[in-house]
PDB file of all heavy atoms in Angstrom:
ATOM      1  N   GLU A   1     -49.842  -2.440   1.785  1.00  0.00           N
ATOM      2  CA  GLU A   1     -50.891  -2.599   2.814  1.00  0.00           C
ATOM      3  C   GLU A   1     -52.171  -2.174   2.294  1.00  0.00           C
ATOM      4  O   GLU A   1     -52.433  -0.985   2.074  1.00  0.00           O
ATOM      5  CB  GLU A   1     -50.459  -1.710   4.165  1.00  0.00           C
ATOM      6  CG  GLU A   1     -51.530  -1.910   5.245  1.00  0.00           C
ATOM      7  CD  GLU A   1     -51.196  -1.108   6.410  1.00  0.00           C
ATOM      8  OE1 GLU A   1     -50.285  -0.327   6.470  1.00  0.00           O
ATOM      9  OE2 GLU A   1     -51.906  -1.420   7.493  1.00  0.00           O
ATOM     10  N   ILE A   2     -53.001  -3.091   2.028  1.00  0.00           N
ATOM     11  CA  ILE A   2     -54.336  -2.787   1.407  1.00  0.00           C
ATOM     12  C   ILE A   2     -55.381  -2.524   2.557  1.00  0.00           C
ATOM     13  O   ILE A   2     -55.582  -3.305   3.411  1.00  0.00           O
ATOM     14  CB  ILE A   2     -54.848  -4.017   0.607  1.00  0.00           C
ATOM     15  CG1 ILE A   2     -53.948  -4.202  -0.690  1.00  0.00           C
ATOM     16  CG2 ILE A   2     -56.242  -3.953   0.218  1.00  0.00           C
ATOM     17  CD1 ILE A   2     -54.225  -3.236  -1.770  1.00  0.00           C
ATOM     18  N   GLY A   3     -56.126  -1.399   2.334  1.00  0.00           N
ATOM     19  CA  GLY A   3     -57.274  -1.146   3.290  1.00  0.00           C
ATOM     20  C   GLY A   3     -58.524  -1.908   2.897  1.00  0.00           C
ATOM     21  O   GLY A   3     -58.981  -1.807   1.721  1.00  0.00           O
ATOM     22  N   MET A   4     -58.821  -2.871   3.677  1.00  0.00           N
ATOM     23  CA  MET A   4     -60.050  -3.708   3.351  1.00  0.00           C
ATOM     24  C   MET A   4     -61.319  -3.081   3.681  1.00  0.00           C
ATOM     25  O   MET A   4     -61.416  -2.632   4.859  1.00  0.00           O
ATOM     26  CB  MET A   4     -59.853  -5.059   4.037  1.00  0.00           C
ATOM     27  CG  MET A   4     -58.558  -5.844   3.584  1.00  0.00           C
ATOM     28  SD  MET A   4     -58.560  -7.612   4.228  1.00  0.00           S
ATOM     29  CE  MET A   4     -58.414  -7.223   6.099  1.00  0.00           C
ATOM     30  N   GLN A   5     -62.238  -3.077   2.836  1.00  0.00           N
ATOM     31  CA  GLN A   5     -63.513  -2.609   3.091  1.00  0.00           C
ATOM     32  C   GLN A   5     -64.575  -3.485   2.324  1.00  0.00           C
ATOM     33  O   GLN A   5     -64.222  -4.140   1.283  1.00  0.00           O
ATOM     34  CB  GLN A   5     -63.817  -1.173   2.597  1.00  0.00           C
ATOM     35  CG  GLN A   5     -62.962  -0.145   3.461  1.00  0.00           C
ATOM     36  CD  GLN A   5     -63.388   1.239   2.891  1.00  0.00           C
ATOM     37  OE1 GLN A   5     -64.597   1.563   2.766  1.00  0.00           O
ATOM     38  NE2 GLN A   5     -62.343   2.068   2.551  1.00  0.00           N
ATOM     39  N   ALA A   6     -65.799  -3.614   2.834  1.00  0.00           N
ATOM     40  CA  ALA A   6     -66.854  -4.439   2.131  1.00  0.00           C
ATOM     41  C   ALA A   6     -67.035  -3.735   0.730  1.00  0.00           C
ATOM     42  O   ALA A   6     -67.118  -2.543   0.498  1.00  0.00           O
ATOM     43  CB  ALA A   6     -68.135  -4.273   2.818  1.00  0.00           C
ATOM     44  N   GLY A   7     -67.108  -4.594  -0.298  1.00  0.00           N
ATOM     45  CA  GLY A   7     -67.274  -4.204  -1.679  1.00  0.00           C
ATOM     46  C   GLY A   7     -66.110  -3.720  -2.444  1.00  0.00           C
ATOM     47  O   GLY A   7     -66.190  -3.431  -3.642  1.00  0.00           O
ATOM     48  N   LEU A   8     -64.858  -3.814  -1.729  1.00  0.00           N
ATOM     49  CA  LEU A   8     -63.652  -3.361  -2.528  1.00  0.00           C
ATOM     50  C   LEU A   8     -62.782  -4.544  -2.876  1.00  0.00           C
ATOM     51  O   LEU A   8     -61.667  -4.347  -3.376  1.00  0.00           O
ATOM     52  CB  LEU A   8     -62.842  -2.465  -1.584  1.00  0.00           C
ATOM     53  CG  LEU A   8     -63.282  -0.973  -1.491  1.00  0.00           C
ATOM     54  CD1 LEU A   8     -62.314  -0.133  -0.664  1.00  0.00           C
ATOM     55  CD2 LEU A   8     -63.415  -0.422  -2.957  1.00  0.00           C
ATOM     56  N   ALA A   9     -63.177  -5.806  -2.634  1.00  0.00           N
ATOM     57  CA  ALA A   9     -62.259  -6.942  -2.866  1.00  0.00           C
ATOM     58  C   ALA A   9     -61.873  -6.901  -4.356  1.00  0.00           C
ATOM     59  O   ALA A   9     -60.698  -7.167  -4.645  1.00  0.00           O
ATOM     60  CB  ALA A   9     -63.020  -8.234  -2.488  1.00  0.00           C
ATOM     61  N   GLY A  10     -62.787  -6.703  -5.304  1.00  0.00           N
ATOM     62  CA  GLY A  10     -62.422  -6.789  -6.741  1.00  0.00           C
ATOM     63  C   GLY A  10     -61.437  -5.685  -7.061  1.00  0.00           C
ATOM     64  O   GLY A  10     -60.363  -6.028  -7.757  1.00  0.00           O
ATOM     65  N   LYS A  11     -61.615  -4.478  -6.674  1.00  0.00           N
ATOM     66  CA  LYS A  11     -60.691  -3.352  -6.956  1.00  0.00           C
ATOM     67  C   LYS A  11     -59.263  -3.673  -6.212  1.00  0.00           C
ATOM     68  O   LYS A  11     -58.216  -3.457  -6.868  1.00  0.00           O
ATOM     69  CB  LYS A  11     -61.282  -2.037  -6.444  1.00  0.00           C
ATOM     70  CG  LYS A  11     -62.418  -1.575  -7.308  1.00  0.00           C
ATOM     71  CD  LYS A  11     -62.838  -0.137  -6.868  1.00  0.00           C
ATOM     72  CE  LYS A  11     -63.979   0.318  -7.645  1.00  0.00           C
ATOM     73  NZ  LYS A  11     -64.553   1.681  -7.123  1.00  0.00           N
ATOM     74  N   ASN A  12     -59.445  -4.084  -5.017  1.00  0.00           N
ATOM     75  CA  ASN A  12     -58.128  -4.330  -4.244  1.00  0.00           C
ATOM     76  C   ASN A  12     -57.319  -5.498  -4.917  1.00  0.00           C
ATOM     77  O   ASN A  12     -56.096  -5.424  -5.003  1.00  0.00           O
ATOM     78  CB  ASN A  12     -58.418  -4.710  -2.793  1.00  0.00           C
ATOM     79  CG  ASN A  12     -58.678  -3.499  -2.019  1.00  0.00           C
ATOM     80  OD1 ASN A  12     -58.218  -2.369  -2.301  1.00  0.00           O
ATOM     81  ND2 ASN A  12     -59.393  -3.647  -0.894  1.00  0.00           N
ATOM     82  N   ARG A  13     -58.106  -6.475  -5.433  1.00  0.00           N
ATOM     83  CA  ARG A  13     -57.387  -7.605  -6.082  1.00  0.00           C
ATOM     84  C   ARG A  13     -56.701  -7.163  -7.332  1.00  0.00           C
ATOM     85  O   ARG A  13     -55.488  -7.539  -7.636  1.00  0.00           O
ATOM     86  CB  ARG A  13     -58.321  -8.872  -6.412  1.00  0.00           C
ATOM     87  CG  ARG A  13     -57.669  -9.929  -7.042  1.00  0.00           C
ATOM     88  CD  ARG A  13     -58.496 -11.170  -7.068  1.00  0.00           C
ATOM     89  NE  ARG A  13     -57.734 -12.353  -7.291  1.00  0.00           N
ATOM     90  CZ  ARG A  13     -58.140 -13.626  -6.940  1.00  0.00           C
ATOM     91  NH1 ARG A  13     -59.215 -13.734  -6.197  1.00  0.00           N
ATOM     92  NH2 ARG A  13     -57.361 -14.660  -7.138  1.00  0.00           N
ATOM     93  N   ALA A  14     -57.329  -6.306  -8.165  1.00  0.00           N
ATOM     94  CA  ALA A  14     -56.815  -5.831  -9.455  1.00  0.00           C
ATOM     95  C   ALA A  14     -55.545  -4.902  -9.154  1.00  0.00           C
ATOM     96  O   ALA A  14     -54.584  -5.170  -9.829  1.00  0.00           O
ATOM     97  CB  ALA A  14     -57.803  -4.986 -10.073  1.00  0.00           C
ATOM     98  N   PHE A  15     -55.588  -4.203  -7.975  1.00  0.00           N
ATOM     99  CA  PHE A  15     -54.362  -3.402  -7.612  1.00  0.00           C
ATOM    100  C   PHE A  15     -53.163  -4.406  -7.274  1.00  0.00           C
ATOM    101  O   PHE A  15     -52.063  -4.178  -7.697  1.00  0.00           O
ATOM    102  CB  PHE A  15     -54.664  -2.472  -6.492  1.00  0.00           C
ATOM    103  CG  PHE A  15     -53.512  -1.636  -6.107  1.00  0.00           C
ATOM    104  CD1 PHE A  15     -53.430  -0.414  -6.547  1.00  0.00           C
ATOM    105  CD2 PHE A  15     -52.603  -2.042  -5.164  1.00  0.00           C
ATOM    106  CE1 PHE A  15     -52.373   0.451  -6.323  1.00  0.00           C
ATOM    107  CE2 PHE A  15     -51.522  -1.269  -4.824  1.00  0.00           C
ATOM    108  CZ  PHE A  15     -51.363   0.014  -5.416  1.00  0.00           C
ATOM    109  N   VAL A  16     -53.498  -5.342  -6.418  1.00  0.00           N
ATOM    110  CA  VAL A  16     -52.421  -6.279  -5.931  1.00  0.00           C
ATOM    111  C   VAL A  16     -51.833  -7.027  -7.180  1.00  0.00           C
ATOM    112  O   VAL A  16     -50.591  -7.276  -7.100  1.00  0.00           O
ATOM    113  CB  VAL A  16     -53.135  -7.276  -5.023  1.00  0.00           C
ATOM    114  CG1 VAL A  16     -52.250  -8.524  -4.769  1.00  0.00           C
ATOM    115  CG2 VAL A  16     -53.346  -6.540  -3.685  1.00  0.00           C
ATOM    116  N   GLU A  17     -52.575  -7.268  -8.230  1.00  0.00           N
ATOM    117  CA  GLU A  17     -52.098  -8.017  -9.299  1.00  0.00           C
ATOM    118  C   GLU A  17     -51.433  -7.173 -10.400  1.00  0.00           C
ATOM    119  O   GLU A  17     -50.902  -7.748 -11.405  1.00  0.00           O
ATOM    120  CB  GLU A  17     -53.251  -8.891  -9.941  1.00  0.00           C
ATOM    121  CG  GLU A  17     -53.721  -9.928  -8.964  1.00  0.00           C
ATOM    122  CD  GLU A  17     -54.970 -10.657  -9.516  1.00  0.00           C
ATOM    123  OE1 GLU A  17     -55.487 -10.245 -10.622  1.00  0.00           O
ATOM    124  OE2 GLU A  17     -55.290 -11.757  -8.909  1.00  0.00           O
ATOM    125  N   SER A  18     -51.348  -5.905 -10.146  1.00  0.00           N
ATOM    126  CA  SER A  18     -50.803  -4.890 -11.164  1.00  0.00           C
ATOM    127  C   SER A  18     -49.248  -4.936 -11.229  1.00  0.00           C
ATOM    128  O   SER A  18     -48.738  -4.669 -12.248  1.00  0.00           O
ATOM    129  CB  SER A  18     -51.312  -3.491 -10.923  1.00  0.00           C
ATOM    130  OG  SER A  18     -50.810  -3.024  -9.671  1.00  0.00           O
ATOM    131  N   VAL A  19     -48.622  -5.331 -10.110  1.00  0.00           N
ATOM    132  CA  VAL A  19     -47.170  -5.476 -10.133  1.00  0.00           C
ATOM    133  C   VAL A  19     -46.928  -6.729  -9.250  1.00  0.00           C
ATOM    134  O   VAL A  19     -47.599  -7.090  -8.340  1.00  0.00           O
ATOM    135  CB  VAL A  19     -46.375  -4.225  -9.634  1.00  0.00           C
ATOM    136  CG1 VAL A  19     -46.540  -3.108 -10.600  1.00  0.00           C
ATOM    137  CG2 VAL A  19     -46.823  -3.767  -8.243  1.00  0.00           C
ATOM    138  N   PRO A  20     -45.564  -7.217  -9.362  1.00  0.00           N
ATOM    139  CA  PRO A  20     -45.264  -8.467  -8.565  1.00  0.00           C
ATOM    140  C   PRO A  20     -44.904  -8.207  -7.224  1.00  0.00           C
ATOM    141  O   PRO A  20     -43.750  -8.389  -6.699  1.00  0.00           O
ATOM    142  CB  PRO A  20     -44.268  -9.083  -9.387  1.00  0.00           C
ATOM    143  CG  PRO A  20     -43.510  -7.902 -10.077  1.00  0.00           C
ATOM    144  CD  PRO A  20     -44.591  -6.947 -10.394  1.00  0.00           C
ATOM    145  N   PHE A  21     -45.873  -7.664  -6.392  1.00  0.00           N
ATOM    146  CA  PHE A  21     -45.558  -7.540  -4.928  1.00  0.00           C
ATOM    147  C   PHE A  21     -44.992  -8.730  -4.325  1.00  0.00           C
ATOM    148  O   PHE A  21     -45.479  -9.864  -4.588  1.00  0.00           O
ATOM    149  CB  PHE A  21     -46.808  -7.110  -4.159  1.00  0.00           C
ATOM    150  CG  PHE A  21     -47.222  -5.622  -4.570  1.00  0.00           C
ATOM    151  CD1 PHE A  21     -48.436  -5.478  -5.288  1.00  0.00           C
ATOM    152  CD2 PHE A  21     -46.597  -4.535  -4.126  1.00  0.00           C
ATOM    153  CE1 PHE A  21     -48.990  -4.235  -5.631  1.00  0.00           C
ATOM    154  CE2 PHE A  21     -47.094  -3.340  -4.432  1.00  0.00           C
ATOM    155  CZ  PHE A  21     -48.265  -3.147  -5.127  1.00  0.00           C
ATOM    156  N   ASP A  22     -44.069  -8.612  -3.293  1.00  0.00           N
ATOM    157  CA  ASP A  22     -43.608  -9.739  -2.511  1.00  0.00           C
ATOM    158  C   ASP A  22     -44.497 -10.181  -1.524  1.00  0.00           C
ATOM    159  O   ASP A  22     -44.602 -11.260  -1.095  1.00  0.00           O
ATOM    160  CB  ASP A  22     -42.241  -9.259  -1.898  1.00  0.00           C
ATOM    161  CG  ASP A  22     -41.061  -9.294  -2.824  1.00  0.00           C
ATOM    162  OD1 ASP A  22     -40.778 -10.283  -3.451  1.00  0.00           O
ATOM    163  OD2 ASP A  22     -40.440  -8.303  -2.893  1.00  0.00           O
ATOM    164  N   GLN A  23     -45.339  -9.117  -0.994  1.00  0.00           N
ATOM    165  CA  GLN A  23     -46.216  -9.382   0.209  1.00  0.00           C
ATOM    166  C   GLN A  23     -47.378  -8.522   0.174  1.00  0.00           C
ATOM    167  O   GLN A  23     -47.206  -7.320  -0.203  1.00  0.00           O
ATOM    168  CB  GLN A  23     -45.379  -9.208   1.442  1.00  0.00           C
ATOM    169  CG  GLN A  23     -46.112  -9.242   2.749  1.00  0.00           C
ATOM    170  CD  GLN A  23     -45.324  -8.812   3.883  1.00  0.00           C
ATOM    171  OE1 GLN A  23     -44.386  -9.634   4.420  1.00  0.00           O
ATOM    172  NE2 GLN A  23     -45.446  -7.667   4.456  1.00  0.00           N
ATOM    173  N   VAL A  24     -48.529  -8.942   0.588  1.00  0.00           N
ATOM    174  CA  VAL A  24     -49.812  -8.126   0.612  1.00  0.00           C
ATOM    175  C   VAL A  24     -50.302  -8.167   2.033  1.00  0.00           C
ATOM    176  O   VAL A  24     -50.558  -9.304   2.598  1.00  0.00           O
ATOM    177  CB  VAL A  24     -50.763  -8.551  -0.349  1.00  0.00           C
ATOM    178  CG1 VAL A  24     -52.083  -7.668  -0.173  1.00  0.00           C
ATOM    179  CG2 VAL A  24     -50.253  -8.473  -1.780  1.00  0.00           C
ATOM    180  N   VAL A  25     -50.399  -7.086   2.769  1.00  0.00           N
ATOM    181  CA  VAL A  25     -50.958  -6.964   4.053  1.00  0.00           C
ATOM    182  C   VAL A  25     -52.346  -6.397   3.971  1.00  0.00           C
ATOM    183  O   VAL A  25     -52.598  -5.433   3.161  1.00  0.00           O
ATOM    184  CB  VAL A  25     -50.136  -5.981   4.998  1.00  0.00           C
ATOM    185  CG1 VAL A  25     -50.729  -5.883   6.244  1.00  0.00           C
ATOM    186  CG2 VAL A  25     -48.702  -6.495   5.030  1.00  0.00           C
ATOM    187  N   GLY A  26     -53.318  -7.020   4.637  1.00  0.00           N
ATOM    188  CA  GLY A  26     -54.692  -6.509   4.685  1.00  0.00           C
ATOM    189  C   GLY A  26     -54.969  -5.856   6.055  1.00  0.00           C
ATOM    190  O   GLY A  26     -54.620  -6.405   7.072  1.00  0.00           O
ATOM    191  N   SER A  27     -55.532  -4.745   5.981  1.00  0.00           N
ATOM    192  CA  SER A  27     -55.919  -3.942   7.180  1.00  0.00           C
ATOM    193  C   SER A  27     -57.334  -3.382   7.276  1.00  0.00           C
ATOM    194  O   SER A  27     -57.885  -3.143   6.190  1.00  0.00           O
ATOM    195  CB  SER A  27     -54.928  -2.828   7.326  1.00  0.00           C
ATOM    196  OG  SER A  27     -53.646  -3.266   7.492  1.00  0.00           O
ATOM    197  N   ILE A  28     -57.778  -3.159   8.485  1.00  0.00           N
ATOM    198  CA  ILE A  28     -59.050  -2.374   8.587  1.00  0.00           C
ATOM    199  C   ILE A  28     -58.663  -0.980   9.287  1.00  0.00           C
ATOM    200  O   ILE A  28     -58.222  -0.981  10.488  1.00  0.00           O
ATOM    201  CB  ILE A  28     -59.963  -3.069   9.632  1.00  0.00           C
ATOM    202  CG1 ILE A  28     -60.370  -4.494   8.998  1.00  0.00           C
ATOM    203  CG2 ILE A  28     -61.245  -2.294   9.791  1.00  0.00           C
ATOM    204  CD1 ILE A  28     -61.184  -4.476   7.778  1.00  0.00           C
ATOM    205  N   HIS A  29     -58.811   0.021   8.505  1.00  0.00           N
ATOM    206  CA  HIS A  29     -58.506   1.367   8.988  1.00  0.00           C
ATOM    207  C   HIS A  29     -59.658   2.232   9.108  1.00  0.00           C
ATOM    208  O   HIS A  29     -59.683   3.333   9.708  1.00  0.00           O
ATOM    209  CB  HIS A  29     -57.459   2.143   7.987  1.00  0.00           C
ATOM    210  CG  HIS A  29     -56.140   1.470   7.981  1.00  0.00           C
ATOM    211  ND1 HIS A  29     -55.460   1.192   6.714  1.00  0.00           N
ATOM    212  CD2 HIS A  29     -55.291   1.013   8.900  1.00  0.00           C
ATOM    213  CE1 HIS A  29     -54.309   0.709   6.987  1.00  0.00           C
ATOM    214  NE2 HIS A  29     -54.162   0.534   8.364  1.00  0.00           N
ATOM    215  N   THR A  30     -60.737   1.766   8.442  1.00  0.00           N
ATOM    216  CA  THR A  30     -61.960   2.565   8.394  1.00  0.00           C
ATOM    217  C   THR A  30     -63.172   1.695   8.804  1.00  0.00           C
ATOM    218  O   THR A  30     -63.127   0.402   8.740  1.00  0.00           O
ATOM    219  CB  THR A  30     -62.305   3.157   7.021  1.00  0.00           C
ATOM    220  OG1 THR A  30     -62.611   2.087   6.142  1.00  0.00           O
ATOM    221  CG2 THR A  30     -61.129   3.936   6.552  1.00  0.00           C
ATOM    222  N   LEU A  31     -64.321   2.242   9.295  1.00  0.00           N
ATOM    223  CA  LEU A  31     -65.395   1.540   9.798  1.00  0.00           C
ATOM    224  C   LEU A  31     -66.688   2.506   9.654  1.00  0.00           C
ATOM    225  O   LEU A  31     -66.622   3.618  10.084  1.00  0.00           O
ATOM    226  CB  LEU A  31     -65.284   1.094  11.209  1.00  0.00           C
ATOM    227  CG  LEU A  31     -66.097  -0.046  11.787  1.00  0.00           C
ATOM    228  CD1 LEU A  31     -65.858  -1.255  10.920  1.00  0.00           C
ATOM    229  CD2 LEU A  31     -65.858  -0.244  13.148  1.00  0.00           C
ATOM    230  N   ASP A  32     -67.653   1.985   9.022  1.00  0.00           N
ATOM    231  CA  ASP A  32     -68.952   2.762   8.930  1.00  0.00           C
ATOM    232  C   ASP A  32     -68.738   4.056   8.350  1.00  0.00           C
ATOM    233  O   ASP A  32     -69.449   5.112   8.741  1.00  0.00           O
ATOM    234  CB  ASP A  32     -69.573   2.848  10.411  1.00  0.00           C
ATOM    235  CG  ASP A  32     -71.033   3.119  10.350  1.00  0.00           C
ATOM    236  OD1 ASP A  32     -71.667   2.693   9.361  1.00  0.00           O
ATOM    237  OD2 ASP A  32     -71.611   3.625  11.344  1.00  0.00           O
ATOM    238  N   GLY A  33     -67.701   4.200   7.402  1.00  0.00           N
ATOM    239  CA  GLY A  33     -67.556   5.479   6.697  1.00  0.00           C
ATOM    240  C   GLY A  33     -66.665   6.460   7.515  1.00  0.00           C
ATOM    241  O   GLY A  33     -66.526   7.566   7.112  1.00  0.00           O
ATOM    242  N   PHE A  34     -66.087   5.954   8.590  1.00  0.00           N
ATOM    243  CA  PHE A  34     -65.244   6.897   9.352  1.00  0.00           C
ATOM    244  C   PHE A  34     -63.771   6.353   9.398  1.00  0.00           C
ATOM    245  O   PHE A  34     -63.513   5.083   9.360  1.00  0.00           O
ATOM    246  CB  PHE A  34     -65.747   6.880  10.859  1.00  0.00           C
ATOM    247  CG  PHE A  34     -67.076   7.599  10.971  1.00  0.00           C
ATOM    248  CD1 PHE A  34     -68.294   7.074  10.844  1.00  0.00           C
ATOM    249  CD2 PHE A  34     -66.982   9.017  11.217  1.00  0.00           C
ATOM    250  CE1 PHE A  34     -69.393   7.718  11.084  1.00  0.00           C
ATOM    251  CE2 PHE A  34     -68.233   9.728  11.510  1.00  0.00           C
ATOM    252  CZ  PHE A  34     -69.392   9.050  11.393  1.00  0.00           C
ATOM    253  N   ASP A  35     -62.856   7.191   9.546  1.00  0.00           N
ATOM    254  CA  ASP A  35     -61.446   6.922   9.726  1.00  0.00           C
ATOM    255  C   ASP A  35     -61.232   6.624  11.262  1.00  0.00           C
ATOM    256  O   ASP A  35     -61.591   7.515  12.075  1.00  0.00           O
ATOM    257  CB  ASP A  35     -60.509   8.167   9.238  1.00  0.00           C
ATOM    258  CG  ASP A  35     -59.149   7.951   9.448  1.00  0.00           C
ATOM    259  OD1 ASP A  35     -58.658   6.917  10.060  1.00  0.00           O
ATOM    260  OD2 ASP A  35     -58.320   8.821   8.996  1.00  0.00           O
ATOM    261  N   LEU A  36     -60.736   5.460  11.559  1.00  0.00           N
ATOM    262  CA  LEU A  36     -60.600   5.095  12.950  1.00  0.00           C
ATOM    263  C   LEU A  36     -59.572   5.795  13.675  1.00  0.00           C
ATOM    264  O   LEU A  36     -59.461   5.825  14.918  1.00  0.00           O
ATOM    265  CB  LEU A  36     -60.355   3.550  13.018  1.00  0.00           C
ATOM    266  CG  LEU A  36     -61.374   2.671  12.693  1.00  0.00           C
ATOM    267  CD1 LEU A  36     -60.964   1.151  12.556  1.00  0.00           C
ATOM    268  CD2 LEU A  36     -62.622   2.670  13.712  1.00  0.00           C
ATOM    269  N   TYR A  37     -58.769   6.590  12.926  1.00  0.00           N
ATOM    270  CA  TYR A  37     -57.740   7.447  13.598  1.00  0.00           C
ATOM    271  C   TYR A  37     -58.431   8.580  14.417  1.00  0.00           C
ATOM    272  O   TYR A  37     -57.838   9.066  15.377  1.00  0.00           O
ATOM    273  CB  TYR A  37     -56.771   7.982  12.533  1.00  0.00           C
ATOM    274  CG  TYR A  37     -55.638   8.824  13.020  1.00  0.00           C
ATOM    275  CD1 TYR A  37     -54.537   8.403  13.519  1.00  0.00           C
ATOM    276  CD2 TYR A  37     -55.822  10.385  12.991  1.00  0.00           C
ATOM    277  CE1 TYR A  37     -53.530   9.132  13.983  1.00  0.00           C
ATOM    278  CE2 TYR A  37     -54.766  11.216  13.478  1.00  0.00           C
ATOM    279  CZ  TYR A  37     -53.657  10.563  13.949  1.00  0.00           C
ATOM    280  OH  TYR A  37     -52.626  11.401  14.369  1.00  0.00           O
TER     281      TYR A  37
END
């Protein structure tokens, strides 16, 4: 489950491609520098 943020697409893509994951989930857990929890 990848945490999606503006400006992180390149780093997130490199992580996803590092091992042969079966499935990649994208999520928004943070906003404007804050944890939504």
